[in-house]
Amino acid sequence: MPLALFDLDGTLVDRQSAFGDAVSCLCRSLDLPPDAEQWLRTELADRATAGDFARLREAFGLEASAADLWQEYVDLMAAAVTCRPEVLEGLARLRAAAWTIGVITNGAGDIQRAKLAGTGLDDLVHGVAASGDLEIRKPDRRLFALGATRCGVSLADGGWMVGDNPTGDIGGGRQAGLRTIWLRGRPWPDGLPAAHHVVDDVTDAITILLAETE
């Protein structure tokens, strides 16, 4: 069974729009002042952890516990995040073609798994490795190895990595011995070897993978 590992945010799901919605809802729910909302939008722009909400609580003197603030944000993100139907359908076709599908993502495990559950992606993937599980981040090869193991396969058998981050997804994937497909958009760093394929949409990457097994 060939292995296909996918990034989550910006590849399978649209984190940015969900992030904006979740922050707005959280600020309304807590009646936070505008400077707190701006703090959240700045501090959580790239990723969010439970520790961020301990800092939010301290900075703005909030009564709710950091754990409760974090859980509310996780729930709001899970409700707001979306995965397009054509992406879900493409992954279902990969599974039907006997592919093993994993998700390799930088982020706290609880929020990333909440996104997978909220979008239905958890029914389509065989395993998930989130950086918060081991406190290691892409492009560290160990995260890719963990993802393969959680899918029930070995990284030594090879496979593919699909993602939008040149260094984390494509550079990391290559270092892990995987073939790579890049979703163009971010600037490509000087000196980073090219991806095996470059696409504009993750559905195009799925089409390439399906062609490998025809």
N, C-alpha and C. Protein backbone atom coordinates (compact mmCIF):
# COMPACT_ATOMS: atom_id res chain seq x y z
N MET A 1 0.85 -1.20 0.00
CA MET A 1 0.00 0.00 0.00
C MET A 1 0.88 1.24 0.00
N PRO A 2 0.84 2.05 -1.06
CA PRO A 2 1.66 3.27 -1.09
C PRO A 2 1.22 4.26 -0.02
N LEU A 3 2.18 5.07 0.44
CA LEU A 3 1.94 6.02 1.52
C LEU A 3 1.87 7.44 0.98
N ALA A 4 0.84 8.17 1.38
CA ALA A 4 0.72 9.60 1.07
C ALA A 4 0.52 10.36 2.37
N LEU A 5 1.46 11.23 2.70
CA LEU A 5 1.37 12.09 3.88
C LEU A 5 0.99 13.49 3.44
N PHE A 6 0.04 14.10 4.15
CA PHE A 6 -0.44 15.43 3.83
C PHE A 6 -0.25 16.37 5.01
N ASP A 7 0.13 17.61 4.71
CA ASP A 7 0.04 18.69 5.67
C ASP A 7 -1.44 18.99 5.90
N LEU A 8 -1.76 19.62 7.03
CA LEU A 8 -3.16 19.94 7.33
C LEU A 8 -3.50 21.39 6.98
N ASP A 9 -2.96 22.35 7.76
CA ASP A 9 -3.34 23.75 7.58
C ASP A 9 -2.78 24.32 6.28
N GLY A 10 -3.65 24.87 5.47
CA GLY A 10 -3.22 25.45 4.20
C GLY A 10 -3.08 24.45 3.09
N THR A 11 -3.30 23.16 3.41
CA THR A 11 -3.22 22.11 2.40
C THR A 11 -4.56 21.39 2.31
N LEU A 12 -4.95 20.70 3.37
CA LEU A 12 -6.24 20.02 3.38
C LEU A 12 -7.37 20.92 3.87
N VAL A 13 -7.05 21.84 4.77
CA VAL A 13 -8.08 22.74 5.32
C VAL A 13 -7.62 24.19 5.22
N ASP A 14 -8.61 25.08 5.25
CA ASP A 14 -8.34 26.52 5.21
C ASP A 14 -8.30 27.06 6.64
N ARG A 15 -7.10 27.11 7.20
CA ARG A 15 -6.98 27.59 8.57
C ARG A 15 -7.27 29.07 8.69
N GLN A 16 -6.84 29.86 7.71
CA GLN A 16 -6.89 31.32 7.86
C GLN A 16 -8.30 31.84 8.06
N SER A 17 -9.25 31.39 7.24
CA SER A 17 -10.61 31.88 7.40
C SER A 17 -11.22 31.38 8.70
N ALA A 18 -10.92 30.12 9.06
CA ALA A 18 -11.42 29.58 10.32
C ALA A 18 -10.84 30.34 11.50
N PHE A 19 -9.58 30.69 11.42
CA PHE A 19 -8.90 31.43 12.49
C PHE A 19 -9.59 32.77 12.73
N GLY A 20 -9.87 33.50 11.65
CA GLY A 20 -10.53 34.79 11.79
C GLY A 20 -11.90 34.65 12.43
N ASP A 21 -12.65 33.64 12.00
CA ASP A 21 -13.99 33.43 12.56
C ASP A 21 -13.91 33.03 14.04
N ALA A 22 -12.98 32.14 14.36
CA ALA A 22 -12.87 31.66 15.74
C ALA A 22 -12.47 32.78 16.69
N VAL A 23 -11.51 33.61 16.29
CA VAL A 23 -11.09 34.72 17.14
C VAL A 23 -12.22 35.70 17.35
N SER A 24 -12.93 36.03 16.28
CA SER A 24 -14.06 36.96 16.41
C SER A 24 -15.11 36.42 17.37
N CYS A 25 -15.46 35.13 17.23
CA CYS A 25 -16.45 34.52 18.11
C CYS A 25 -15.98 34.48 19.56
N LEU A 26 -14.70 34.17 19.76
CA LEU A 26 -14.16 34.11 21.11
C LEU A 26 -14.22 35.47 21.77
N CYS A 27 -13.86 36.50 21.03
CA CYS A 27 -13.86 37.85 21.60
C CYS A 27 -15.27 38.32 21.94
N ARG A 28 -16.24 37.95 21.11
CA ARG A 28 -17.64 38.29 21.43
C ARG A 28 -18.11 37.53 22.66
N SER A 29 -17.76 36.25 22.72
CA SER A 29 -18.19 35.41 23.84
C SER A 29 -17.65 35.93 25.17
N LEU A 30 -16.39 36.39 25.16
CA LEU A 30 -15.74 36.85 26.39
C LEU A 30 -15.84 38.35 26.60
N ASP A 31 -16.46 39.03 25.62
CA ASP A 31 -16.56 40.49 25.67
C ASP A 31 -15.18 41.13 25.84
N LEU A 32 -14.23 40.67 25.01
CA LEU A 32 -12.86 41.17 25.10
C LEU A 32 -12.74 42.53 24.44
N PRO A 33 -11.85 43.38 24.95
CA PRO A 33 -11.62 44.69 24.32
C PRO A 33 -10.88 44.54 23.00
N PRO A 34 -10.93 45.57 22.15
CA PRO A 34 -10.27 45.50 20.84
C PRO A 34 -8.78 45.18 20.92
N ASP A 35 -8.08 45.66 21.96
CA ASP A 35 -6.65 45.39 22.04
C ASP A 35 -6.38 43.92 22.32
N ALA A 36 -7.30 43.24 23.02
CA ALA A 36 -7.15 41.80 23.25
C ALA A 36 -7.37 41.02 21.96
N GLU A 37 -8.34 41.47 21.17
CA GLU A 37 -8.57 40.80 19.89
C GLU A 37 -7.37 40.96 18.97
N GLN A 38 -6.78 42.14 18.96
CA GLN A 38 -5.59 42.35 18.13
C GLN A 38 -4.43 41.50 18.63
N TRP A 39 -4.32 41.38 19.94
CA TRP A 39 -3.27 40.53 20.52
C TRP A 39 -3.42 39.10 20.03
N LEU A 40 -4.64 38.59 20.07
CA LEU A 40 -4.90 37.22 19.62
C LEU A 40 -4.56 37.04 18.15
N ARG A 41 -4.99 37.99 17.33
CA ARG A 41 -4.75 37.87 15.89
C ARG A 41 -3.26 37.90 15.56
N THR A 42 -2.49 38.61 16.37
CA THR A 42 -1.05 38.67 16.15
C THR A 42 -0.34 37.43 16.70
N GLU A 43 -0.66 37.09 17.94
CA GLU A 43 0.06 36.01 18.62
C GLU A 43 -0.28 34.63 18.06
N LEU A 44 -1.49 34.46 17.56
CA LEU A 44 -1.93 33.15 17.08
C LEU A 44 -1.93 33.03 15.57
N ALA A 45 -1.33 34.02 14.90
CA ALA A 45 -1.41 34.07 13.43
C ALA A 45 -0.87 32.81 12.77
N ASP A 46 0.23 32.28 13.28
CA ASP A 46 0.85 31.11 12.67
C ASP A 46 0.41 29.80 13.32
N ARG A 47 0.28 29.80 14.62
CA ARG A 47 -0.17 28.60 15.33
C ARG A 47 -0.60 29.01 16.73
N ALA A 48 -1.35 28.13 17.38
CA ALA A 48 -1.85 28.41 18.72
C ALA A 48 -1.58 27.22 19.63
N THR A 49 -1.27 27.52 20.89
CA THR A 49 -1.08 26.47 21.90
C THR A 49 -1.82 26.89 23.17
N ALA A 50 -1.97 25.95 24.07
CA ALA A 50 -2.62 26.24 25.35
C ALA A 50 -1.88 27.34 26.10
N GLY A 51 -0.55 27.36 25.95
CA GLY A 51 0.23 28.37 26.65
C GLY A 51 -0.10 29.79 26.23
N ASP A 52 -0.53 29.96 24.99
CA ASP A 52 -0.90 31.30 24.53
C ASP A 52 -2.06 31.85 25.35
N PHE A 53 -2.96 30.97 25.79
CA PHE A 53 -4.14 31.44 26.51
C PHE A 53 -3.84 31.70 27.98
N ALA A 54 -2.78 31.10 28.50
CA ALA A 54 -2.30 31.49 29.83
C ALA A 54 -1.75 32.91 29.76
N ARG A 55 -1.04 33.22 28.68
CA ARG A 55 -0.51 34.58 28.52
C ARG A 55 -1.63 35.58 28.27
N LEU A 56 -2.64 35.19 27.50
CA LEU A 56 -3.79 36.07 27.28
C LEU A 56 -4.49 36.39 28.60
N ARG A 57 -4.71 35.37 29.40
CA ARG A 57 -5.39 35.55 30.69
C ARG A 57 -4.63 36.51 31.58
N GLU A 58 -3.30 36.35 31.59
CA GLU A 58 -2.48 37.21 32.45
C GLU A 58 -2.44 38.64 31.92
N ALA A 59 -2.30 38.76 30.60
CA ALA A 59 -2.15 40.09 30.01
C ALA A 59 -3.40 40.95 30.17
N PHE A 60 -4.57 40.31 30.15
CA PHE A 60 -5.81 41.09 30.17
C PHE A 60 -6.67 40.81 31.40
N GLY A 61 -6.10 40.12 32.39
CA GLY A 61 -6.79 39.93 33.66
C GLY A 61 -8.12 39.21 33.54
N LEU A 62 -8.18 38.17 32.73
CA LEU A 62 -9.43 37.46 32.51
C LEU A 62 -9.73 36.51 33.67
N GLU A 63 -11.02 36.32 33.95
CA GLU A 63 -11.42 35.46 35.07
C GLU A 63 -11.38 33.99 34.69
N ALA A 64 -11.74 33.66 33.47
CA ALA A 64 -11.78 32.25 33.04
C ALA A 64 -10.38 31.65 33.12
N SER A 65 -10.31 30.35 33.39
CA SER A 65 -9.02 29.68 33.46
C SER A 65 -8.41 29.58 32.07
N ALA A 66 -7.09 29.44 32.03
CA ALA A 66 -6.40 29.28 30.75
C ALA A 66 -6.90 28.04 30.03
N ALA A 67 -7.16 26.97 30.79
CA ALA A 67 -7.64 25.71 30.19
C ALA A 67 -9.00 25.90 29.54
N ASP A 68 -9.87 26.65 30.20
CA ASP A 68 -11.21 26.89 29.64
C ASP A 68 -11.13 27.79 28.41
N LEU A 69 -10.27 28.78 28.44
CA LEU A 69 -10.09 29.66 27.28
C LEU A 69 -9.58 28.87 26.07
N TRP A 70 -8.60 28.03 26.33
CA TRP A 70 -8.04 27.20 25.26
C TRP A 70 -9.10 26.26 24.69
N GLN A 71 -9.85 25.60 25.57
CA GLN A 71 -10.86 24.66 25.08
C GLN A 71 -11.93 25.36 24.27
N GLU A 72 -12.31 26.57 24.67
CA GLU A 72 -13.31 27.30 23.89
C GLU A 72 -12.76 27.63 22.50
N TYR A 73 -11.50 28.03 22.45
CA TYR A 73 -10.89 28.33 21.15
C TYR A 73 -10.81 27.07 20.29
N VAL A 74 -10.40 25.95 20.89
CA VAL A 74 -10.33 24.69 20.14
C VAL A 74 -11.70 24.34 19.56
N ASP A 75 -12.74 24.46 20.37
CA ASP A 75 -14.09 24.13 19.91
C ASP A 75 -14.54 25.07 18.79
N LEU A 76 -14.20 26.34 18.92
CA LEU A 76 -14.57 27.31 17.88
C LEU A 76 -13.83 27.04 16.58
N MET A 77 -12.55 26.69 16.67
CA MET A 77 -11.79 26.35 15.46
C MET A 77 -12.36 25.11 14.79
N ALA A 78 -12.69 24.10 15.59
CA ALA A 78 -13.25 22.87 15.03
C ALA A 78 -14.56 23.14 14.31
N ALA A 79 -15.35 24.08 14.85
CA ALA A 79 -16.63 24.40 14.23
C ALA A 79 -16.47 25.24 12.97
N ALA A 80 -15.40 26.05 12.93
CA ALA A 80 -15.23 27.00 11.82
C ALA A 80 -14.44 26.43 10.65
N VAL A 81 -13.55 25.49 10.91
CA VAL A 81 -12.65 25.02 9.85
C VAL A 81 -13.43 24.18 8.83
N THR A 82 -13.01 24.27 7.59
CA THR A 82 -13.70 23.55 6.51
C THR A 82 -12.69 22.80 5.64
N CYS A 83 -13.17 21.71 5.05
CA CYS A 83 -12.44 20.98 4.03
C CYS A 83 -13.38 20.83 2.85
N ARG A 84 -12.96 21.27 1.68
CA ARG A 84 -13.83 21.26 0.52
C ARG A 84 -14.27 19.85 0.15
N PRO A 85 -15.51 19.69 -0.30
CA PRO A 85 -16.01 18.35 -0.65
C PRO A 85 -15.13 17.62 -1.65
N GLU A 86 -14.57 18.36 -2.63
CA GLU A 86 -13.75 17.70 -3.63
C GLU A 86 -12.45 17.16 -3.05
N VAL A 87 -11.98 17.75 -1.95
CA VAL A 87 -10.79 17.23 -1.28
C VAL A 87 -11.14 15.93 -0.54
N LEU A 88 -12.26 15.94 0.17
CA LEU A 88 -12.71 14.74 0.85
C LEU A 88 -12.94 13.60 -0.15
N GLU A 89 -13.54 13.95 -1.28
CA GLU A 89 -13.80 12.93 -2.30
C GLU A 89 -12.49 12.39 -2.87
N GLY A 90 -11.51 13.26 -3.06
CA GLY A 90 -10.22 12.82 -3.57
C GLY A 90 -9.52 11.87 -2.62
N LEU A 91 -9.57 12.18 -1.33
CA LEU A 91 -8.95 11.29 -0.34
C LEU A 91 -9.69 9.95 -0.29
N ALA A 92 -11.00 9.99 -0.43
CA ALA A 92 -11.75 8.74 -0.46
C ALA A 92 -11.34 7.89 -1.66
N ARG A 93 -11.08 8.53 -2.78
CA ARG A 93 -10.61 7.80 -3.97
C ARG A 93 -9.23 7.20 -3.73
N LEU A 94 -8.36 7.93 -3.03
CA LEU A 94 -7.05 7.39 -2.70
C LEU A 94 -7.19 6.15 -1.83
N ARG A 95 -8.04 6.21 -0.83
CA ARG A 95 -8.24 5.04 0.04
C ARG A 95 -8.77 3.87 -0.77
N ALA A 96 -9.71 4.16 -1.67
CA ALA A 96 -10.28 3.10 -2.50
C ALA A 96 -9.22 2.46 -3.40
N ALA A 97 -8.20 3.26 -3.74
CA ALA A 97 -7.10 2.75 -4.58
C ALA A 97 -5.98 2.15 -3.74
N ALA A 98 -6.29 1.86 -2.46
CA ALA A 98 -5.38 1.16 -1.54
C ALA A 98 -4.20 2.00 -1.08
N TRP A 99 -4.34 3.33 -1.09
CA TRP A 99 -3.31 4.18 -0.52
C TRP A 99 -3.46 4.23 1.00
N THR A 100 -2.33 4.36 1.68
CA THR A 100 -2.30 4.66 3.11
C THR A 100 -2.14 6.17 3.24
N ILE A 101 -3.02 6.81 4.00
CA ILE A 101 -3.06 8.27 4.08
C ILE A 101 -2.75 8.72 5.51
N GLY A 102 -1.80 9.64 5.65
CA GLY A 102 -1.46 10.19 6.95
C GLY A 102 -1.45 11.71 6.91
N VAL A 103 -1.55 12.31 8.08
CA VAL A 103 -1.44 13.76 8.23
C VAL A 103 -0.25 14.07 9.11
N ILE A 104 0.63 14.94 8.61
CA ILE A 104 1.80 15.40 9.36
C ILE A 104 1.64 16.90 9.54
N THR A 105 1.48 17.35 10.78
CA THR A 105 1.10 18.75 10.99
C THR A 105 1.87 19.35 12.17
N ASN A 106 2.27 20.57 12.00
CA ASN A 106 2.82 21.34 13.12
C ASN A 106 1.66 21.97 13.88
N GLY A 107 1.62 21.74 15.16
CA GLY A 107 0.54 22.29 15.96
C GLY A 107 0.24 21.40 17.15
N ALA A 108 -0.55 21.93 18.08
CA ALA A 108 -0.95 21.16 19.26
C ALA A 108 -1.85 20.01 18.85
N GLY A 109 -1.62 18.85 19.43
CA GLY A 109 -2.36 17.67 19.02
C GLY A 109 -3.86 17.80 19.19
N ASP A 110 -4.32 18.41 20.30
CA ASP A 110 -5.76 18.45 20.54
C ASP A 110 -6.49 19.33 19.53
N ILE A 111 -5.91 20.47 19.17
CA ILE A 111 -6.60 21.34 18.22
C ILE A 111 -6.54 20.75 16.81
N GLN A 112 -5.43 20.13 16.44
CA GLN A 112 -5.34 19.56 15.10
C GLN A 112 -6.30 18.38 14.95
N ARG A 113 -6.42 17.56 15.97
CA ARG A 113 -7.37 16.44 15.91
C ARG A 113 -8.81 16.95 15.92
N ALA A 114 -9.06 18.06 16.61
CA ALA A 114 -10.41 18.64 16.58
C ALA A 114 -10.77 19.11 15.17
N LYS A 115 -9.79 19.67 14.47
CA LYS A 115 -10.03 20.08 13.08
C LYS A 115 -10.33 18.87 12.20
N LEU A 116 -9.57 17.80 12.39
CA LEU A 116 -9.79 16.59 11.60
C LEU A 116 -11.18 16.02 11.86
N ALA A 117 -11.59 16.03 13.13
CA ALA A 117 -12.92 15.51 13.45
C ALA A 117 -14.02 16.42 12.91
N GLY A 118 -13.80 17.74 13.02
CA GLY A 118 -14.82 18.69 12.60
C GLY A 118 -15.07 18.69 11.10
N THR A 119 -14.07 18.30 10.34
CA THR A 119 -14.20 18.31 8.88
C THR A 119 -14.53 16.94 8.29
N GLY A 120 -14.46 15.90 9.11
CA GLY A 120 -14.66 14.55 8.59
C GLY A 120 -13.40 13.91 8.06
N LEU A 121 -12.29 14.63 8.13
CA LEU A 121 -11.03 14.07 7.63
C LEU A 121 -10.56 12.88 8.46
N ASP A 122 -10.94 12.84 9.73
CA ASP A 122 -10.46 11.74 10.57
C ASP A 122 -10.98 10.38 10.11
N ASP A 123 -12.07 10.37 9.34
CA ASP A 123 -12.59 9.11 8.81
C ASP A 123 -11.81 8.64 7.58
N LEU A 124 -10.96 9.51 7.04
CA LEU A 124 -10.29 9.21 5.77
C LEU A 124 -8.79 8.98 5.92
N VAL A 125 -8.24 9.28 7.10
CA VAL A 125 -6.80 9.12 7.28
C VAL A 125 -6.51 7.95 8.21
N HIS A 126 -5.38 7.32 7.99
CA HIS A 126 -5.00 6.15 8.79
C HIS A 126 -4.21 6.53 10.03
N GLY A 127 -3.55 7.69 10.02
CA GLY A 127 -2.74 8.09 11.16
C GLY A 127 -2.41 9.56 11.12
N VAL A 128 -2.13 10.13 12.30
CA VAL A 128 -1.84 11.56 12.44
C VAL A 128 -0.62 11.74 13.33
N ALA A 129 0.28 12.62 12.92
CA ALA A 129 1.40 13.02 13.78
C ALA A 129 1.39 14.54 13.87
N ALA A 130 1.16 15.04 15.08
CA ALA A 130 1.16 16.49 15.33
C ALA A 130 2.41 16.84 16.11
N SER A 131 3.00 17.99 15.79
CA SER A 131 4.28 18.36 16.41
C SER A 131 4.16 18.46 17.93
N GLY A 132 2.99 18.87 18.42
CA GLY A 132 2.82 18.99 19.85
C GLY A 132 2.90 17.68 20.59
N ASP A 133 2.72 16.55 19.88
CA ASP A 133 2.79 15.24 20.53
C ASP A 133 4.19 14.94 21.05
N LEU A 134 5.21 15.41 20.32
CA LEU A 134 6.59 15.10 20.68
C LEU A 134 7.46 16.34 20.90
N GLU A 135 6.83 17.52 20.74
CA GLU A 135 7.60 18.77 20.82
C GLU A 135 8.70 18.81 19.77
N ILE A 136 8.42 18.25 18.62
CA ILE A 136 9.29 18.39 17.45
C ILE A 136 8.43 18.87 16.30
N ARG A 137 9.05 19.60 15.37
CA ARG A 137 8.29 20.21 14.29
C ARG A 137 8.90 19.85 12.94
N LYS A 138 8.05 19.83 11.92
CA LYS A 138 8.60 19.72 10.57
C LYS A 138 9.58 20.86 10.37
N PRO A 139 10.72 20.64 9.74
CA PRO A 139 11.08 19.49 8.89
C PRO A 139 11.79 18.33 9.59
N ASP A 140 11.69 18.22 10.91
CA ASP A 140 12.36 17.13 11.63
C ASP A 140 11.88 15.78 11.11
N ARG A 141 12.81 14.94 10.69
CA ARG A 141 12.47 13.65 10.11
C ARG A 141 11.68 12.78 11.07
N ARG A 142 11.88 12.96 12.37
CA ARG A 142 11.21 12.11 13.35
C ARG A 142 9.69 12.25 13.30
N LEU A 143 9.21 13.44 12.93
CA LEU A 143 7.76 13.62 12.84
C LEU A 143 7.19 12.84 11.66
N PHE A 144 7.94 12.80 10.56
CA PHE A 144 7.50 12.01 9.41
C PHE A 144 7.53 10.52 9.74
N ALA A 145 8.56 10.10 10.45
CA ALA A 145 8.65 8.69 10.84
C ALA A 145 7.50 8.30 11.77
N LEU A 146 7.15 9.20 12.70
CA LEU A 146 6.03 8.94 13.59
C LEU A 146 4.73 8.83 12.80
N GLY A 147 4.56 9.72 11.81
CA GLY A 147 3.36 9.67 10.99
C GLY A 147 3.23 8.34 10.26
N ALA A 148 4.32 7.88 9.68
CA ALA A 148 4.28 6.59 8.98
C ALA A 148 3.95 5.46 9.95
N THR A 149 4.59 5.48 11.11
CA THR A 149 4.34 4.43 12.10
C THR A 149 2.89 4.42 12.53
N ARG A 150 2.31 5.59 12.74
CA ARG A 150 0.90 5.65 13.16
C ARG A 150 -0.05 5.22 12.04
N CYS A 151 0.46 5.21 10.82
CA CYS A 151 -0.33 4.68 9.70
C CYS A 151 -0.13 3.18 9.54
N GLY A 152 0.75 2.61 10.35
CA GLY A 152 0.99 1.18 10.28
C GLY A 152 1.99 0.77 9.22
N VAL A 153 2.80 1.73 8.74
CA VAL A 153 3.80 1.42 7.72
C VAL A 153 5.15 1.97 8.16
N SER A 154 6.18 1.71 7.37
CA SER A 154 7.52 2.19 7.68
C SER A 154 7.93 3.28 6.70
N LEU A 155 8.56 4.32 7.24
CA LEU A 155 9.06 5.39 6.38
C LEU A 155 10.12 4.86 5.42
N ALA A 156 10.78 3.79 5.80
CA ALA A 156 11.81 3.21 4.95
C ALA A 156 11.26 2.70 3.62
N ASP A 157 9.95 2.45 3.57
CA ASP A 157 9.33 1.96 2.34
C ASP A 157 9.01 3.09 1.36
N GLY A 158 9.26 4.34 1.77
CA GLY A 158 9.05 5.47 0.87
C GLY A 158 7.60 5.91 0.82
N GLY A 159 7.34 6.86 -0.08
CA GLY A 159 6.00 7.41 -0.22
C GLY A 159 6.08 8.85 -0.68
N TRP A 160 5.03 9.61 -0.36
CA TRP A 160 4.89 10.99 -0.83
C TRP A 160 4.55 11.91 0.33
N MET A 161 4.99 13.18 0.21
CA MET A 161 4.58 14.24 1.13
C MET A 161 3.99 15.37 0.31
N VAL A 162 2.80 15.84 0.71
CA VAL A 162 2.10 16.92 0.01
C VAL A 162 1.89 18.07 0.99
N GLY A 163 2.31 19.28 0.62
CA GLY A 163 2.11 20.41 1.52
C GLY A 163 2.44 21.74 0.88
N ASP A 164 2.14 22.81 1.62
CA ASP A 164 2.32 24.17 1.09
C ASP A 164 3.56 24.86 1.63
N ASN A 165 4.19 24.28 2.66
CA ASN A 165 5.35 24.93 3.26
C ASN A 165 6.63 24.39 2.61
N PRO A 166 7.40 25.25 1.92
CA PRO A 166 8.58 24.75 1.22
C PRO A 166 9.58 24.04 2.12
N THR A 167 9.92 24.66 3.24
CA THR A 167 10.94 24.07 4.12
C THR A 167 10.38 22.93 4.94
N GLY A 168 9.24 23.16 5.62
CA GLY A 168 8.70 22.15 6.50
C GLY A 168 8.19 20.92 5.77
N ASP A 169 7.39 21.14 4.74
CA ASP A 169 6.76 20.02 4.04
C ASP A 169 7.65 19.41 2.97
N ILE A 170 8.17 20.26 2.09
CA ILE A 170 8.93 19.75 0.95
C ILE A 170 10.36 19.41 1.34
N GLY A 171 11.03 20.34 2.02
CA GLY A 171 12.38 20.05 2.49
C GLY A 171 12.38 18.89 3.48
N GLY A 172 11.43 18.91 4.41
CA GLY A 172 11.34 17.84 5.39
C GLY A 172 11.00 16.51 4.75
N GLY A 173 10.09 16.55 3.79
CA GLY A 173 9.71 15.33 3.10
C GLY A 173 10.87 14.70 2.35
N ARG A 174 11.64 15.54 1.68
CA ARG A 174 12.80 15.03 0.94
C ARG A 174 13.82 14.42 1.91
N GLN A 175 14.07 15.10 3.03
CA GLN A 175 15.01 14.57 4.02
C GLN A 175 14.54 13.24 4.60
N ALA A 176 13.22 13.04 4.58
CA ALA A 176 12.65 11.79 5.09
C ALA A 176 12.61 10.71 4.02
N GLY A 177 13.13 11.01 2.84
CA GLY A 177 13.18 10.02 1.78
C GLY A 177 11.91 9.90 0.96
N LEU A 178 11.06 10.94 1.03
CA LEU A 178 9.78 10.90 0.33
C LEU A 178 9.83 11.73 -0.95
N ARG A 179 9.01 11.36 -1.91
CA ARG A 179 8.77 12.23 -3.06
C ARG A 179 7.80 13.31 -2.62
N THR A 180 7.83 14.46 -3.29
CA THR A 180 7.12 15.62 -2.75
C THR A 180 6.27 16.32 -3.81
N ILE A 181 5.17 16.89 -3.33
CA ILE A 181 4.30 17.73 -4.16
C ILE A 181 4.04 19.02 -3.39
N TRP A 182 4.38 20.13 -4.01
CA TRP A 182 4.26 21.44 -3.35
C TRP A 182 3.04 22.18 -3.88
N LEU A 183 2.24 22.71 -2.97
CA LEU A 183 1.16 23.63 -3.32
C LEU A 183 1.74 25.03 -3.33
N ARG A 184 1.90 25.57 -4.52
CA ARG A 184 2.60 26.86 -4.62
C ARG A 184 1.82 27.97 -3.94
N GLY A 185 2.56 28.97 -3.51
CA GLY A 185 1.95 30.12 -2.84
C GLY A 185 2.97 30.87 -2.01
N ARG A 186 3.66 30.18 -1.12
CA ARG A 186 4.68 30.82 -0.30
C ARG A 186 5.96 31.01 -1.11
N PRO A 187 6.79 31.97 -0.74
CA PRO A 187 8.08 32.14 -1.44
C PRO A 187 8.95 30.90 -1.28
N TRP A 188 9.65 30.55 -2.35
CA TRP A 188 10.53 29.38 -2.31
C TRP A 188 11.93 29.82 -1.88
N PRO A 189 12.47 29.24 -0.81
CA PRO A 189 13.77 29.67 -0.30
C PRO A 189 14.91 29.35 -1.29
N ASP A 190 15.88 30.22 -1.33
CA ASP A 190 17.06 29.96 -2.16
C ASP A 190 17.78 28.72 -1.65
N GLY A 191 18.22 27.89 -2.57
CA GLY A 191 19.01 26.73 -2.21
C GLY A 191 18.23 25.49 -1.85
N LEU A 192 16.89 25.62 -1.72
CA LEU A 192 16.09 24.43 -1.39
C LEU A 192 15.82 23.64 -2.67
N PRO A 193 16.15 22.35 -2.68
CA PRO A 193 15.89 21.55 -3.88
C PRO A 193 14.42 21.58 -4.27
N ALA A 194 14.16 21.51 -5.56
CA ALA A 194 12.79 21.59 -6.07
C ALA A 194 11.96 20.39 -5.65
N ALA A 195 10.65 20.61 -5.54
CA ALA A 195 9.72 19.51 -5.31
C ALA A 195 9.63 18.66 -6.58
N HIS A 196 9.17 17.43 -6.43
CA HIS A 196 9.00 16.56 -7.59
C HIS A 196 7.87 17.05 -8.49
N HIS A 197 6.83 17.63 -7.88
CA HIS A 197 5.73 18.22 -8.64
C HIS A 197 5.31 19.50 -7.95
N VAL A 198 4.78 20.44 -8.72
CA VAL A 198 4.24 21.69 -8.19
C VAL A 198 2.81 21.85 -8.71
N VAL A 199 1.87 22.14 -7.81
CA VAL A 199 0.46 22.25 -8.19
C VAL A 199 -0.14 23.50 -7.55
N ASP A 200 -1.33 23.85 -8.01
CA ASP A 200 -2.04 25.00 -7.46
C ASP A 200 -3.10 24.60 -6.44
N ASP A 201 -3.43 23.31 -6.39
CA ASP A 201 -4.52 22.87 -5.53
C ASP A 201 -4.24 21.44 -5.08
N VAL A 202 -4.65 21.13 -3.86
CA VAL A 202 -4.37 19.78 -3.35
C VAL A 202 -5.09 18.71 -4.17
N THR A 203 -6.20 19.06 -4.82
CA THR A 203 -6.87 18.07 -5.65
C THR A 203 -6.01 17.69 -6.85
N ASP A 204 -5.18 18.62 -7.32
CA ASP A 204 -4.24 18.29 -8.41
C ASP A 204 -3.18 17.32 -7.91
N ALA A 205 -2.76 17.48 -6.66
CA ALA A 205 -1.80 16.54 -6.08
C ALA A 205 -2.41 15.15 -5.97
N ILE A 206 -3.67 15.07 -5.56
CA ILE A 206 -4.34 13.78 -5.44
C ILE A 206 -4.44 13.11 -6.81
N THR A 207 -4.70 13.90 -7.85
CA THR A 207 -4.75 13.35 -9.21
C THR A 207 -3.42 12.74 -9.59
N ILE A 208 -2.32 13.41 -9.25
CA ILE A 208 -0.97 12.88 -9.55
C ILE A 208 -0.76 11.56 -8.81
N LEU A 209 -1.16 11.52 -7.54
CA LEU A 209 -0.99 10.29 -6.77
C LEU A 209 -1.82 9.15 -7.34
N LEU A 210 -3.03 9.42 -7.73
CA LEU A 210 -3.89 8.39 -8.28
C LEU A 210 -3.30 7.83 -9.59
N ALA A 211 -2.65 8.71 -10.35
CA ALA A 211 -2.04 8.26 -11.61
C ALA A 211 -0.89 7.29 -11.35
N GLU A 212 -0.29 7.37 -10.15
CA GLU A 212 0.82 6.48 -9.81
C GLU A 212 0.33 5.02 -9.65
N THR A 213 -0.94 4.86 -9.36
CA THR A 213 -1.44 3.51 -9.10
C THR A 213 -2.35 3.00 -10.20
N GLU A 214 -2.44 3.72 -11.31
CA GLU A 214 -3.29 3.27 -12.42
C GLU A 214 -2.57 2.20 -13.25
